[in-house]
């Protein structure tokens, strides 16, 4: 079997840790785009490749390990996040899987890749027990390692750029490798290796079509992020702020594949900021409109990049029905302290232009940033209620590994989660940062109350009813009946 399969790429299951009791029916199920891109790249280099999406198949660590052992691959590559994502709870799933593999299949060769492995390769080797760690995008690193393994050598004789491993009980860190400069040079994601029928759009993305959340796919038009928000770890893979764009022609060719071969109509654009290059966005929209597709996109945008009402109208015509804005906080001082210096005037202009174009808005807000007080958090919540977006995500500030907030927390002795699960926003073990004025329990309790109050507000539900119909209201009311368990709050209440 080992001669038949060179690498098995595994996306471990963390849905319960990431979404708690929302995992089964409400949370979206995203295709592991980075994993699929790596699979396509390694396959193009001439190697035999398979993908195991344990997340989509909802496999336990034991079930995943049994599948891995049966595959008999020369290398098992465990991916810990999706493209342009900093999902630290995926690291917890990888950690659990590695523990089981060490017991049930100790002879397997494993490699970790993703945000946390890129930020802390030595820690991954010493604490998680992976044989190899990829620092950076897992493209040439995997190909180079496979060359070594196929030559029959258990370890490289010298450093491989971007690959770290243990030698005599000590980590050998291969350092960072240059990024792929031209994304058009990458093959498309290996969609044929994924269980495409299992992916499911976020509920709000399909408020007007809740019975059609599938098929669903993720797509990227650019890589990296040129911004340096201190709470975000998406650039930990690259090690620096960066931005690399695909050509619109390349993107639409992959859209053609998803539409014609897999019947996809709901698509998430995973770019950190879709609208950085308005010229590329406009050309892509023109190409989509010319094809006459009936698509339902959502994309992350940044308010500073929203300047043209004409571009927004074209985005809407192409099927961009939702944009998500990271507003984060109402207080300018709180925003400035985390390098998110969007002015109120810029925020208001972007919201007005987006609404004029008929595009729905997801407002993203964070409670518990370093300068937050109870008053500033209330100010943020009041802002959310004033805007009354079609949907709002409320987060607790987490000191994610690979961020400046994480380093700040370590310097200041702020309590950090004891396990990877503690970084999950909806996890039972969620542990936000404390601020100068608030405890983690106070932040988490405020966040949970804010979501319930916003989502159950009669005026908000009337808005949803008018725009999307009664099924969307029924869905939200069902969502509110699901109570998240929070051990932190249970402990605080008991004391």
Foldseek 3Di string as FASTA:
>chain_A
DQVQAAEEEEQFALQCLQAPPCRPPFFFFADQQLSLLQQQQLVVVPGHYFYHYCRLVVDALLRVLVVVVVVNYQEYEYEQGHALDQQLSSVQRVLVNLVNCCVPPVVHAYEYEDLQCLQCVQCCCPPSVHAKYFQARNHVVVNVVSVCVVVVHPDDPDADARMWGDDPNGIDGNYHDDDDQAPLVGDGGNVVNDPQQRGFARCLLPLQPNVPRPREHEAEFKHFAQAAFQLDQSCSSVPHGDIHGYALVSRVVVVCCCCPVVVAAEYEHSDQAPQPPLVRLLVNLVVLLVVVHQHAYEYEHELVSDDDLVSLLSCVSSHHQEYEYEPAFDDQVLCVVRRNRDDPVSVVVSLVSNVVSNHFYEYEYEFARQPDDPVRVVVRLVVCLVSLGLHYHYFYRANRRNGNSVVVCVVVVWDHQPGSSCVRRLRQNPFGTHYPHGHSLVRNVSRVVSRLCSLPPPVSLVVSCVPRNDVSSVVSVVVSVDDGHHVVNVVVVVD
